[in-house]
Amino acid sequence: LSIQGTCFFPKETGPCKAKISRYYYNHRTGKCEKIYYGGCMGNVNNFKRIRQCDKTCPSVKPKSICHRPKKEGPCRARIPRYFYNKRTKRCKKFYFGGCRGNQNNFKKLKECRSVC
C-alpha cells in the first residue's frame, strides 16, 4: 500500500465497542490524532503509537500532492491509475508506466477523490 493509501484512509473506529487508544493521520490537518478504536474492522490508517503514525505519514500534504502534474514515468507498463487534474478539478484515469512517477498517482478513483 502506498503512503497516501495508508495515510489518506478516513478515520475509522470500527463497529465494535472496545475503546482502544490509537492514532490516525488526519489528512485535512496534516497531523496524527488520537482516536478510540473499537477493536475490530477499521482500516490501515490506525497506529498503536503516535511515533509510528508520524513516521509513516511524515506531514504528507494533500494539496501539494494533488497539484503535481500527471507523470506516467519512463517505464513501459500500462498500469491503470488515477490522478487529480487541477485544471478540471477532477480525478482522471491514466496509465502509469510503473516507475518514477509522483504521489499524484492513486490506485483507486475513490482514493483520489477522498484525498483531492
PDB file of N, CA and C in Angstrom:
ATOM      1  N   LEU A   1       0.853  -1.183   0.000  1.00  0.00           N
ATOM      2  CA  LEU A   1       0.000   0.000   0.000  1.00  0.00           C
ATOM      3  C   LEU A   1       0.892   1.237   0.000  1.00  0.00           C
ATOM      4  N   SER A   2       0.559   2.213  -0.818  1.00  0.00           N
ATOM      5  CA  SER A   2       1.344   3.438  -0.892  1.00  0.00           C
ATOM      6  C   SER A   2       1.149   4.271   0.375  1.00  0.00           C
ATOM      7  N   ILE A   3       2.018   5.283   0.554  1.00  0.00           N
ATOM      8  CA  ILE A   3       1.869   6.167   1.714  1.00  0.00           C
ATOM      9  C   ILE A   3       0.504   6.826   1.691  1.00  0.00           C
ATOM     10  N   GLN A   4       0.123   7.378   0.509  1.00  0.00           N
ATOM     11  CA  GLN A   4      -1.186   8.022   0.508  1.00  0.00           C
ATOM     12  C   GLN A   4      -2.295   7.014   0.718  1.00  0.00           C
ATOM     13  N   GLY A   5      -2.094   5.759   0.302  1.00  0.00           N
ATOM     14  CA  GLY A   5      -3.097   4.730   0.538  1.00  0.00           C
ATOM     15  C   GLY A   5      -3.314   4.480   2.020  1.00  0.00           C
ATOM     16  N   THR A   6      -2.264   4.550   2.799  1.00  0.00           N
ATOM     17  CA  THR A   6      -2.381   4.374   4.247  1.00  0.00           C
ATOM     18  C   THR A   6      -2.836   5.661   4.918  1.00  0.00           C
ATOM     19  N   CYS A   7      -2.166   6.737   4.623  1.00  0.00           N
ATOM     20  CA  CYS A   7      -2.366   7.991   5.358  1.00  0.00           C
ATOM     21  C   CYS A   7      -3.659   8.714   5.014  1.00  0.00           C
ATOM     22  N   PHE A   8      -4.270   8.399   3.895  1.00  0.00           N
ATOM     23  CA  PHE A   8      -5.464   9.128   3.495  1.00  0.00           C
ATOM     24  C   PHE A   8      -6.751   8.331   3.617  1.00  0.00           C
ATOM     25  N   PHE A   9      -6.661   7.153   4.233  1.00  0.00           N
ATOM     26  CA  PHE A   9      -7.912   6.468   4.575  1.00  0.00           C
ATOM     27  C   PHE A   9      -8.605   7.322   5.630  1.00  0.00           C
ATOM     28  N   PRO A  10      -9.928   7.364   5.629  1.00  0.00           N
ATOM     29  CA  PRO A  10     -10.631   8.182   6.628  1.00  0.00           C
ATOM     30  C   PRO A  10     -10.508   7.587   8.030  1.00  0.00           C
ATOM     31  N   LYS A  11     -10.783   8.411   9.022  1.00  0.00           N
ATOM     32  CA  LYS A  11     -10.812   7.930  10.409  1.00  0.00           C
ATOM     33  C   LYS A  11     -11.892   6.857  10.501  1.00  0.00           C
ATOM     34  N   GLU A  12     -11.519   5.696  11.046  1.00  0.00           N
ATOM     35  CA  GLU A  12     -12.476   4.583  11.147  1.00  0.00           C
ATOM     36  C   GLU A  12     -12.263   3.890  12.474  1.00  0.00           C
ATOM     37  N   THR A  13     -13.219   4.016  13.378  1.00  0.00           N
ATOM     38  CA  THR A  13     -13.093   3.399  14.700  1.00  0.00           C
ATOM     39  C   THR A  13     -13.600   1.966  14.718  1.00  0.00           C
ATOM     40  N   GLY A  14     -14.350   1.556  13.692  1.00  0.00           N
ATOM     41  CA  GLY A  14     -14.889   0.201  13.626  1.00  0.00           C
ATOM     42  C   GLY A  14     -16.172   0.063  14.426  1.00  0.00           C
ATOM     43  N   PRO A  15     -16.941  -1.012  14.183  1.00  0.00           N
ATOM     44  CA  PRO A  15     -18.248  -1.180  14.810  1.00  0.00           C
ATOM     45  C   PRO A  15     -18.216  -1.782  16.224  1.00  0.00           C
ATOM     46  N   CYS A  16     -17.085  -2.345  16.624  1.00  0.00           N
ATOM     47  CA  CYS A  16     -17.028  -2.974  17.950  1.00  0.00           C
ATOM     48  C   CYS A  16     -16.929  -1.919  19.050  1.00  0.00           C
ATOM     49  N   LYS A  17     -17.114  -2.337  20.289  1.00  0.00           N
ATOM     50  CA  LYS A  17     -17.312  -1.393  21.393  1.00  0.00           C
ATOM     51  C   LYS A  17     -16.114  -1.171  22.320  1.00  0.00           C
ATOM     52  N   ALA A  18     -14.964  -1.775  22.026  1.00  0.00           N
ATOM     53  CA  ALA A  18     -13.782  -1.510  22.861  1.00  0.00           C
ATOM     54  C   ALA A  18     -13.371  -0.050  22.677  1.00  0.00           C
ATOM     55  N   LYS A  19     -12.608   0.463  23.594  1.00  0.00           N
ATOM     56  CA  LYS A  19     -12.100   1.842  23.464  1.00  0.00           C
ATOM     57  C   LYS A  19     -10.583   1.780  23.581  1.00  0.00           C
ATOM     58  N   ILE A  20      -9.952   1.363  22.490  1.00  0.00           N
ATOM     59  CA  ILE A  20      -8.504   1.199  22.458  1.00  0.00           C
ATOM     60  C   ILE A  20      -7.889   2.490  21.930  1.00  0.00           C
ATOM     61  N   SER A  21      -6.993   3.060  22.685  1.00  0.00           N
ATOM     62  CA  SER A  21      -6.341   4.306  22.292  1.00  0.00           C
ATOM     63  C   SER A  21      -5.412   4.050  21.104  1.00  0.00           C
ATOM     64  N   ARG A  22      -5.654   4.730  20.004  1.00  0.00           N
ATOM     65  CA  ARG A  22      -4.850   4.602  18.787  1.00  0.00           C
ATOM     66  C   ARG A  22      -4.673   5.979  18.161  1.00  0.00           C
ATOM     67  N   TYR A  23      -3.940   6.030  17.055  1.00  0.00           N
ATOM     68  CA  TYR A  23      -3.713   7.271  16.316  1.00  0.00           C
ATOM     69  C   TYR A  23      -4.005   7.039  14.843  1.00  0.00           C
ATOM     70  N   TYR A  24      -4.489   8.074  14.192  1.00  0.00           N
ATOM     71  CA  TYR A  24      -4.693   8.037  12.743  1.00  0.00           C
ATOM     72  C   TYR A  24      -4.183   9.347  12.161  1.00  0.00           C
ATOM     73  N   TYR A  25      -3.827   9.315  10.881  1.00  0.00           N
ATOM     74  CA  TYR A  25      -3.355  10.524  10.210  1.00  0.00           C
ATOM     75  C   TYR A  25      -4.551  11.265   9.639  1.00  0.00           C
ATOM     76  N   ASN A  26      -4.747  12.497  10.075  1.00  0.00           N
ATOM     77  CA  ASN A  26      -5.826  13.344   9.576  1.00  0.00           C
ATOM     78  C   ASN A  26      -5.255  14.169   8.429  1.00  0.00           C
ATOM     79  N   HIS A  27      -5.601  13.790   7.193  1.00  0.00           N
ATOM     80  CA  HIS A  27      -5.006  14.478   6.046  1.00  0.00           C
ATOM     81  C   HIS A  27      -5.498  15.915   5.901  1.00  0.00           C
ATOM     82  N   ARG A  28      -6.583  16.267   6.553  1.00  0.00           N
ATOM     83  CA  ARG A  28      -7.058  17.660   6.491  1.00  0.00           C
ATOM     84  C   ARG A  28      -6.192  18.588   7.352  1.00  0.00           C
ATOM     85  N   THR A  29      -5.744  18.093   8.503  1.00  0.00           N
ATOM     86  CA  THR A  29      -4.904  18.911   9.388  1.00  0.00           C
ATOM     87  C   THR A  29      -3.416  18.656   9.162  1.00  0.00           C
ATOM     88  N   GLY A  30      -3.075  17.536   8.508  1.00  0.00           N
ATOM     89  CA  GLY A  30      -1.675  17.180   8.302  1.00  0.00           C
ATOM     90  C   GLY A  30      -1.002  16.668   9.563  1.00  0.00           C
ATOM     91  N   LYS A  31      -1.805  16.144  10.519  1.00  0.00           N
ATOM     92  CA  LYS A  31      -1.258  15.673  11.799  1.00  0.00           C
ATOM     93  C   LYS A  31      -1.841  14.320  12.182  1.00  0.00           C
ATOM     94  N   CYS A  32      -1.083  13.598  13.005  1.00  0.00           N
ATOM     95  CA  CYS A  32      -1.587  12.361  13.599  1.00  0.00           C
ATOM     96  C   CYS A  32      -2.412  12.739  14.824  1.00  0.00           C
ATOM     97  N   GLU A  33      -3.599  12.153  14.936  1.00  0.00           N
ATOM     98  CA  GLU A  33      -4.516  12.497  16.021  1.00  0.00           C
ATOM     99  C   GLU A  33      -5.016  11.240  16.714  1.00  0.00           C
ATOM    100  N   LYS A  34      -5.368  11.393  17.976  1.00  0.00           N
ATOM    101  CA  LYS A  34      -5.836  10.274  18.793  1.00  0.00           C
ATOM    102  C   LYS A  34      -7.269   9.896  18.423  1.00  0.00           C
ATOM    103  N   ILE A  35      -7.534   8.588  18.394  1.00  0.00           N
ATOM    104  CA  ILE A  35      -8.897   8.068  18.231  1.00  0.00           C
ATOM    105  C   ILE A  35      -9.073   6.927  19.225  1.00  0.00           C
ATOM    106  N   TYR A  36     -10.297   6.528  19.422  1.00  0.00           N
ATOM    107  CA  TYR A  36     -10.580   5.341  20.227  1.00  0.00           C
ATOM    108  C   TYR A  36     -11.134   4.281  19.294  1.00  0.00           C
ATOM    109  N   TYR A  37     -10.297   3.272  19.052  1.00  0.00           N
ATOM    110  CA  TYR A  37     -10.613   2.182  18.130  1.00  0.00           C
ATOM    111  C   TYR A  37     -11.498   1.162  18.836  1.00  0.00           C
ATOM    112  N   GLY A  38     -12.524   0.697  18.152  1.00  0.00           N
ATOM    113  CA  GLY A  38     -13.464  -0.264  18.725  1.00  0.00           C
ATOM    114  C   GLY A  38     -12.922  -1.674  18.859  1.00  0.00           C
ATOM    115  N   GLY A  39     -11.820  -1.994  18.165  1.00  0.00           N
ATOM    116  CA  GLY A  39     -11.203  -3.307  18.310  1.00  0.00           C
ATOM    117  C   GLY A  39     -11.421  -4.259  17.154  1.00  0.00           C
ATOM    118  N   CYS A  40     -12.278  -3.904  16.200  1.00  0.00           N
ATOM    119  CA  CYS A  40     -12.467  -4.766  15.033  1.00  0.00           C
ATOM    120  C   CYS A  40     -12.734  -3.919  13.793  1.00  0.00           C
ATOM    121  N   MET A  41     -12.446  -4.532  12.667  1.00  0.00           N
ATOM    122  CA  MET A  41     -12.602  -3.893  11.358  1.00  0.00           C
ATOM    123  C   MET A  41     -11.755  -2.621  11.307  1.00  0.00           C
ATOM    124  N   GLY A  42     -12.288  -1.476  10.958  1.00  0.00           N
ATOM    125  CA  GLY A  42     -11.448  -0.294  10.811  1.00  0.00           C
ATOM    126  C   GLY A  42     -10.701  -0.337   9.492  1.00  0.00           C
ATOM    127  N   ASN A  43      -9.563   0.352   9.411  1.00  0.00           N
ATOM    128  CA  ASN A  43      -8.749   0.338   8.194  1.00  0.00           C
ATOM    129  C   ASN A  43      -7.275   0.490   8.568  1.00  0.00           C
ATOM    130  N   VAL A  44      -6.405   0.629   7.562  1.00  0.00           N
ATOM    131  CA  VAL A  44      -4.959   0.655   7.804  1.00  0.00           C
ATOM    132  C   VAL A  44      -4.451   1.969   8.391  1.00  0.00           C
ATOM    133  N   ASN A  45      -5.265   3.009   8.374  1.00  0.00           N
ATOM    134  CA  ASN A  45      -4.868   4.283   8.985  1.00  0.00           C
ATOM    135  C   ASN A  45      -5.195   4.209  10.478  1.00  0.00           C
ATOM    136  N   ASN A  46      -4.437   3.367  11.187  1.00  0.00           N
ATOM    137  CA  ASN A  46      -4.698   3.056  12.586  1.00  0.00           C
ATOM    138  C   ASN A  46      -3.371   2.596  13.192  1.00  0.00           C
ATOM    139  N   PHE A  47      -2.800   3.416  14.042  1.00  0.00           N
ATOM    140  CA  PHE A  47      -1.466   3.155  14.577  1.00  0.00           C
ATOM    141  C   PHE A  47      -1.500   3.052  16.100  1.00  0.00           C
ATOM    142  N   LYS A  48      -0.724   2.110  16.642  1.00  0.00           N
ATOM    143  CA  LYS A  48      -0.659   1.921  18.095  1.00  0.00           C
ATOM    144  C   LYS A  48       0.041   3.081  18.787  1.00  0.00           C
ATOM    145  N   ARG A  49       1.044   3.649  18.133  1.00  0.00           N
ATOM    146  CA  ARG A  49       1.829   4.731  18.733  1.00  0.00           C
ATOM    147  C   ARG A  49       1.865   5.935  17.793  1.00  0.00           C
ATOM    148  N   ILE A  50       1.871   7.114  18.378  1.00  0.00           N
ATOM    149  CA  ILE A  50       1.919   8.334  17.567  1.00  0.00           C
ATOM    150  C   ILE A  50       3.221   8.389  16.764  1.00  0.00           C
ATOM    151  N   ARG A  51       4.309   7.867  17.341  1.00  0.00           N
ATOM    152  CA  ARG A  51       5.599   7.819  16.635  1.00  0.00           C
ATOM    153  C   ARG A  51       5.490   7.045  15.328  1.00  0.00           C
ATOM    154  N   GLN A  52       4.785   5.920  15.392  1.00  0.00           N
ATOM    155  CA  GLN A  52       4.591   5.069  14.214  1.00  0.00           C
ATOM    156  C   GLN A  52       3.774   5.822  13.153  1.00  0.00           C
ATOM    157  N   CYS A  53       2.755   6.536  13.580  1.00  0.00           N
ATOM    158  CA  CYS A  53       1.930   7.333  12.673  1.00  0.00           C
ATOM    159  C   CYS A  53       2.766   8.442  12.028  1.00  0.00           C
ATOM    160  N   ASP A  54       3.520   9.175  12.857  1.00  0.00           N
ATOM    161  CA  ASP A  54       4.357  10.272  12.350  1.00  0.00           C
ATOM    162  C   ASP A  54       5.405   9.777  11.356  1.00  0.00           C
ATOM    163  N   LYS A  55       5.962   8.608  11.617  1.00  0.00           N
ATOM    164  CA  LYS A  55       6.987   8.051  10.733  1.00  0.00           C
ATOM    165  C   LYS A  55       6.380   7.601   9.399  1.00  0.00           C
ATOM    166  N   THR A  56       5.190   7.002   9.448  1.00  0.00           N
ATOM    167  CA  THR A  56       4.530   6.511   8.236  1.00  0.00           C
ATOM    168  C   THR A  56       3.971   7.652   7.400  1.00  0.00           C
ATOM    169  N   CYS A  57       3.475   8.679   8.060  1.00  0.00           N
ATOM    170  CA  CYS A  57       2.803   9.789   7.371  1.00  0.00           C
ATOM    171  C   CYS A  57       3.509  11.101   7.700  1.00  0.00           C
ATOM    172  N   PRO A  58       4.747  11.287   7.223  1.00  0.00           N
ATOM    173  CA  PRO A  58       5.518  12.477   7.604  1.00  0.00           C
ATOM    174  C   PRO A  58       5.019  13.733   6.901  1.00  0.00           C
ATOM    175  N   SER A  59       4.090  14.402   7.528  1.00  0.00           N
ATOM    176  CA  SER A  59       3.481  15.628   7.006  1.00  0.00           C
ATOM    177  C   SER A  59       3.229  15.579   5.504  1.00  0.00           C
ATOM    178  N   VAL A  60       2.522  14.554   5.091  1.00  0.00           N
ATOM    179  CA  VAL A  60       2.092  14.424   3.701  1.00  0.00           C
ATOM    180  C   VAL A  60       1.017  15.485   3.498  1.00  0.00           C
ATOM    181  N   LYS A  61       1.209  16.361   2.563  1.00  0.00           N
ATOM    182  CA  LYS A  61       0.262  17.449   2.338  1.00  0.00           C
ATOM    183  C   LYS A  61      -0.586  17.155   1.104  1.00  0.00           C
ATOM    184  N   PRO A  62      -1.871  16.906   1.280  1.00  0.00           N
ATOM    185  CA  PRO A  62      -2.709  16.552   0.143  1.00  0.00           C
ATOM    186  C   PRO A  62      -2.748  17.600  -0.957  1.00  0.00           C
ATOM    187  N   LYS A  63      -2.759  18.879  -0.592  1.00  0.00           N
ATOM    188  CA  LYS A  63      -2.844  19.919  -1.624  1.00  0.00           C
ATOM    189  C   LYS A  63      -1.650  19.846  -2.567  1.00  0.00           C
ATOM    190  N   SER A  64      -0.447  19.700  -2.000  1.00  0.00           N
ATOM    191  CA  SER A  64       0.730  19.657  -2.858  1.00  0.00           C
ATOM    192  C   SER A  64       0.746  18.394  -3.710  1.00  0.00           C
ATOM    193  N   ILE A  65       0.267  17.278  -3.165  1.00  0.00           N
ATOM    194  CA  ILE A  65       0.183  16.042  -3.942  1.00  0.00           C
ATOM    195  C   ILE A  65      -0.768  16.232  -5.114  1.00  0.00           C
ATOM    196  N   CYS A  66      -1.919  16.805  -4.847  1.00  0.00           N
ATOM    197  CA  CYS A  66      -2.962  16.941  -5.859  1.00  0.00           C
ATOM    198  C   CYS A  66      -2.603  17.944  -6.943  1.00  0.00           C
ATOM    199  N   HIS A  67      -1.688  18.860  -6.662  1.00  0.00           N
ATOM    200  CA  HIS A  67      -1.311  19.860  -7.654  1.00  0.00           C
ATOM    201  C   HIS A  67      -0.108  19.449  -8.487  1.00  0.00           C
ATOM    202  N   ARG A  68       0.431  18.271  -8.204  1.00  0.00           N
ATOM    203  CA  ARG A  68       1.535  17.785  -9.038  1.00  0.00           C
ATOM    204  C   ARG A  68       0.980  17.331 -10.380  1.00  0.00           C
ATOM    205  N   PRO A  69       1.775  17.438 -11.445  1.00  0.00           N
ATOM    206  CA  PRO A  69       1.278  17.028 -12.763  1.00  0.00           C
ATOM    207  C   PRO A  69       1.165  15.509 -12.870  1.00  0.00           C
ATOM    208  N   LYS A  70       0.353  15.066 -13.801  1.00  0.00           N
ATOM    209  CA  LYS A  70       0.288  13.633 -14.108  1.00  0.00           C
ATOM    210  C   LYS A  70       1.672  13.223 -14.595  1.00  0.00           C
ATOM    211  N   LYS A  71       2.177  12.101 -14.103  1.00  0.00           N
ATOM    212  CA  LYS A  71       3.508  11.653 -14.518  1.00  0.00           C
ATOM    213  C   LYS A  71       3.466  10.154 -14.777  1.00  0.00           C
ATOM    214  N   GLU A  72       3.447   9.789 -16.053  1.00  0.00           N
ATOM    215  CA  GLU A  72       3.382   8.374 -16.428  1.00  0.00           C
ATOM    216  C   GLU A  72       4.672   7.639 -16.106  1.00  0.00           C
ATOM    217  N   GLY A  73       5.807   8.349 -16.143  1.00  0.00           N
ATOM    218  CA  GLY A  73       7.106   7.729 -15.915  1.00  0.00           C
ATOM    219  C   GLY A  73       7.644   7.106 -17.191  1.00  0.00           C
ATOM    220  N   PRO A  74       8.947   6.820 -17.245  1.00  0.00           N
ATOM    221  CA  PRO A  74       9.578   6.330 -18.468  1.00  0.00           C
ATOM    222  C   PRO A  74       9.415   4.829 -18.736  1.00  0.00           C
ATOM    223  N   CYS A  75       8.989   4.068 -17.742  1.00  0.00           N
ATOM    224  CA  CYS A  75       8.859   2.621 -17.953  1.00  0.00           C
ATOM    225  C   CYS A  75       7.625   2.310 -18.799  1.00  0.00           C
ATOM    226  N   ARG A  76       7.517   1.081 -19.270  1.00  0.00           N
ATOM    227  CA  ARG A  76       6.517   0.761 -20.290  1.00  0.00           C
ATOM    228  C   ARG A  76       5.338  -0.078 -19.837  1.00  0.00           C
ATOM    229  N   ALA A  77       5.186  -0.280 -18.548  1.00  0.00           N
ATOM    230  CA  ALA A  77       3.988  -0.992 -18.076  1.00  0.00           C
ATOM    231  C   ALA A  77       2.777  -0.101 -18.358  1.00  0.00           C
ATOM    232  N   ARG A  78       1.611  -0.684 -18.392  1.00  0.00           N
ATOM    233  CA  ARG A  78       0.377   0.102 -18.562  1.00  0.00           C
ATOM    234  C   ARG A  78      -0.534  -0.210 -17.385  1.00  0.00           C
ATOM    235  N   ILE A  79      -0.220   0.408 -16.256  1.00  0.00           N
ATOM    236  CA  ILE A  79      -0.957   0.156 -15.019  1.00  0.00           C
ATOM    237  C   ILE A  79      -2.038   1.225 -14.882  1.00  0.00           C
ATOM    238  N   PRO A  80      -3.308   0.821 -14.870  1.00  0.00           N
ATOM    239  CA  PRO A  80      -4.357   1.838 -14.739  1.00  0.00           C
ATOM    240  C   PRO A  80      -4.312   2.500 -13.362  1.00  0.00           C
ATOM    241  N   ARG A  81      -4.266   3.813 -13.361  1.00  0.00           N
ATOM    242  CA  ARG A  81      -4.217   4.612 -12.141  1.00  0.00           C
ATOM    243  C   ARG A  81      -5.066   5.863 -12.339  1.00  0.00           C
ATOM    244  N   TYR A  82      -5.156   6.652 -11.278  1.00  0.00           N
ATOM    245  CA  TYR A  82      -5.913   7.908 -11.319  1.00  0.00           C
ATOM    246  C   TYR A  82      -5.038   9.037 -10.802  1.00  0.00           C
ATOM    247  N   PHE A  83      -5.218  10.214 -11.377  1.00  0.00           N
ATOM    248  CA  PHE A  83      -4.526  11.412 -10.911  1.00  0.00           C
ATOM    249  C   PHE A  83      -5.536  12.542 -10.822  1.00  0.00           C
ATOM    250  N   TYR A  84      -5.223  13.538  -9.997  1.00  0.00           N
ATOM    251  CA  TYR A  84      -6.097  14.702  -9.880  1.00  0.00           C
ATOM    252  C   TYR A  84      -5.639  15.754 -10.874  1.00  0.00           C
ATOM    253  N   ASN A  85      -6.561  16.166 -11.743  1.00  0.00           N
ATOM    254  CA  ASN A  85      -6.285  17.196 -12.729  1.00  0.00           C
ATOM    255  C   ASN A  85      -6.723  18.528 -12.121  1.00  0.00           C
ATOM    256  N   LYS A  86      -5.755  19.353 -11.730  1.00  0.00           N
ATOM    257  CA  LYS A  86      -6.112  20.597 -11.034  1.00  0.00           C
ATOM    258  C   LYS A  86      -6.821  21.592 -11.949  1.00  0.00           C
ATOM    259  N   ARG A  87      -6.614  21.482 -13.257  1.00  0.00           N
ATOM    260  CA  ARG A  87      -7.287  22.386 -14.193  1.00  0.00           C
ATOM    261  C   ARG A  87      -8.786  22.102 -14.256  1.00  0.00           C
ATOM    262  N   THR A  88      -9.148  20.804 -14.371  1.00  0.00           N
ATOM    263  CA  THR A  88     -10.566  20.429 -14.463  1.00  0.00           C
ATOM    264  C   THR A  88     -11.187  20.162 -13.094  1.00  0.00           C
ATOM    265  N   LYS A  89     -10.324  20.094 -12.055  1.00  0.00           N
ATOM    266  CA  LYS A  89     -10.765  19.789 -10.688  1.00  0.00           C
ATOM    267  C   LYS A  89     -11.469  18.433 -10.594  1.00  0.00           C
ATOM    268  N   ARG A  90     -10.927  17.455 -11.338  1.00  0.00           N
ATOM    269  CA  ARG A  90     -11.486  16.097 -11.339  1.00  0.00           C
ATOM    270  C   ARG A  90     -10.358  15.067 -11.343  1.00  0.00           C
ATOM    271  N   CYS A  91     -10.672  13.892 -10.802  1.00  0.00           N
ATOM    272  CA  CYS A  91      -9.743  12.766 -10.881  1.00  0.00           C
ATOM    273  C   CYS A  91      -9.948  12.085 -12.226  1.00  0.00           C
ATOM    274  N   LYS A  92      -8.853  11.810 -12.913  1.00  0.00           N
ATOM    275  CA  LYS A  92      -8.912  11.209 -14.248  1.00  0.00           C
ATOM    276  C   LYS A  92      -8.058   9.947 -14.284  1.00  0.00           C
ATOM    277  N   LYS A  93      -8.459   9.021 -15.134  1.00  0.00           N
ATOM    278  CA  LYS A  93      -7.701   7.782 -15.322  1.00  0.00           C
ATOM    279  C   LYS A  93      -6.497   8.057 -16.224  1.00  0.00           C
ATOM    280  N   PHE A  94      -5.388   7.371 -15.942  1.00  0.00           N
ATOM    281  CA  PHE A  94      -4.233   7.390 -16.834  1.00  0.00           C
ATOM    282  C   PHE A  94      -3.503   6.068 -16.684  1.00  0.00           C
ATOM    283  N   TYR A  95      -2.520   5.839 -17.536  1.00  0.00           N
ATOM    284  CA  TYR A  95      -1.748   4.601 -17.477  1.00  0.00           C
ATOM    285  C   TYR A  95      -0.339   4.913 -17.004  1.00  0.00           C
ATOM    286  N   PHE A  96      -0.021   4.380 -15.826  1.00  0.00           N
ATOM    287  CA  PHE A  96       1.286   4.575 -15.210  1.00  0.00           C
ATOM    288  C   PHE A  96       2.257   3.553 -15.780  1.00  0.00           C
ATOM    289  N   GLY A  97       3.459   4.015 -16.129  1.00  0.00           N
ATOM    290  CA  GLY A  97       4.472   3.137 -16.700  1.00  0.00           C
ATOM    291  C   GLY A  97       5.104   2.177 -15.705  1.00  0.00           C
ATOM    292  N   GLY A  98       4.954   2.437 -14.406  1.00  0.00           N
ATOM    293  CA  GLY A  98       5.472   1.515 -13.404  1.00  0.00           C
ATOM    294  C   GLY A  98       6.693   2.007 -12.653  1.00  0.00           C
ATOM    295  N   CYS A  99       7.289   3.119 -13.072  1.00  0.00           N
ATOM    296  CA  CYS A  99       8.455   3.647 -12.357  1.00  0.00           C
ATOM    297  C   CYS A  99       8.525   5.164 -12.492  1.00  0.00           C
ATOM    298  N   ARG A 100       9.172   5.779 -11.505  1.00  0.00           N
ATOM    299  CA  ARG A 100       9.478   7.211 -11.492  1.00  0.00           C
ATOM    300  C   ARG A 100       8.277   8.116 -11.757  1.00  0.00           C
ATOM    301  N   GLY A 101       7.194   7.815 -11.073  1.00  0.00           N
ATOM    302  CA  GLY A 101       6.033   8.702 -11.122  1.00  0.00           C
ATOM    303  C   GLY A 101       6.133   9.713  -9.990  1.00  0.00           C
ATOM    304  N   ASN A 102       4.992  10.185  -9.528  1.00  0.00           N
ATOM    305  CA  ASN A 102       4.972  11.046  -8.349  1.00  0.00           C
ATOM    306  C   ASN A 102       3.786  10.644  -7.474  1.00  0.00           C
ATOM    307  N   GLN A 103       3.517  11.391  -6.413  1.00  0.00           N
ATOM    308  CA  GLN A 103       2.471  11.000  -5.466  1.00  0.00           C
ATOM    309  C   GLN A 103       1.056  11.244  -5.978  1.00  0.00           C
ATOM    310  N   ASN A 104       0.903  11.999  -7.054  1.00  0.00           N
ATOM    311  CA  ASN A 104      -0.419  12.204  -7.652  1.00  0.00           C
ATOM    312  C   ASN A 104      -0.699  10.999  -8.541  1.00  0.00           C
ATOM    313  N   ASN A 105      -0.839   9.844  -7.910  1.00  0.00           N
ATOM    314  CA  ASN A 105      -0.933   8.558  -8.595  1.00  0.00           C
ATOM    315  C   ASN A 105      -1.667   7.616  -7.639  1.00  0.00           C
ATOM    316  N   PHE A 106      -2.947   7.411  -7.903  1.00  0.00           N
ATOM    317  CA  PHE A 106      -3.801   6.660  -6.990  1.00  0.00           C
ATOM    318  C   PHE A 106      -4.285   5.373  -7.639  1.00  0.00           C
ATOM    319  N   LYS A 107      -4.322   4.303  -6.856  1.00  0.00           N
ATOM    320  CA  LYS A 107      -4.781   3.013  -7.373  1.00  0.00           C
ATOM    321  C   LYS A 107      -6.273   3.009  -7.638  1.00  0.00           C
ATOM    322  N   LYS A 108      -7.023   3.747  -6.851  1.00  0.00           N
ATOM    323  CA  LYS A 108      -8.487   3.734  -6.973  1.00  0.00           C
ATOM    324  C   LYS A 108      -9.024   5.151  -7.131  1.00  0.00           C
ATOM    325  N   LEU A 109     -10.069   5.281  -7.925  1.00  0.00           N
ATOM    326  CA  LEU A 109     -10.731   6.565  -8.131  1.00  0.00           C
ATOM    327  C   LEU A 109     -11.213   7.134  -6.799  1.00  0.00           C
ATOM    328  N   LYS A 110     -11.764   6.267  -5.956  1.00  0.00           N
ATOM    329  CA  LYS A 110     -12.277   6.679  -4.646  1.00  0.00           C
ATOM    330  C   LYS A 110     -11.170   7.304  -3.788  1.00  0.00           C
ATOM    331  N   GLU A 111      -9.979   6.732  -3.849  1.00  0.00           N
ATOM    332  CA  GLU A 111      -8.842   7.247  -3.080  1.00  0.00           C
ATOM    333  C   GLU A 111      -8.456   8.642  -3.575  1.00  0.00           C
ATOM    334  N   CYS A 112      -8.396   8.815  -4.897  1.00  0.00           N
ATOM    335  CA  CYS A 112      -8.083  10.121  -5.488  1.00  0.00           C
ATOM    336  C   CYS A 112      -9.104  11.160  -5.042  1.00  0.00           C
ATOM    337  N   ARG A 113     -10.363  10.801  -5.113  1.00  0.00           N
ATOM    338  CA  ARG A 113     -11.423  11.743  -4.728  1.00  0.00           C
ATOM    339  C   ARG A 113     -11.365  12.101  -3.250  1.00  0.00           C
ATOM    340  N   SER A 114     -11.045  11.135  -2.393  1.00  0.00           N
ATOM    341  CA  SER A 114     -11.030  11.436  -0.957  1.00  0.00           C
ATOM    342  C   SER A 114      -9.826  12.303  -0.584  1.00  0.00           C
ATOM    343  N   VAL A 115      -8.708  12.141  -1.274  1.00  0.00           N
ATOM    344  CA  VAL A 115      -7.517  12.927  -0.972  1.00  0.00           C
ATOM    345  C   VAL A 115      -7.608  14.328  -1.575  1.00  0.00           C
ATOM    346  N   CYS A 116      -8.082  14.399  -2.806  1.00  0.00           N
ATOM    347  CA  CYS A 116      -8.068  15.682  -3.531  1.00  0.00           C
ATOM    348  C   CYS A 116      -9.440  16.323  -3.604  1.00  0.00           C
TER     349      CYS A 116
END
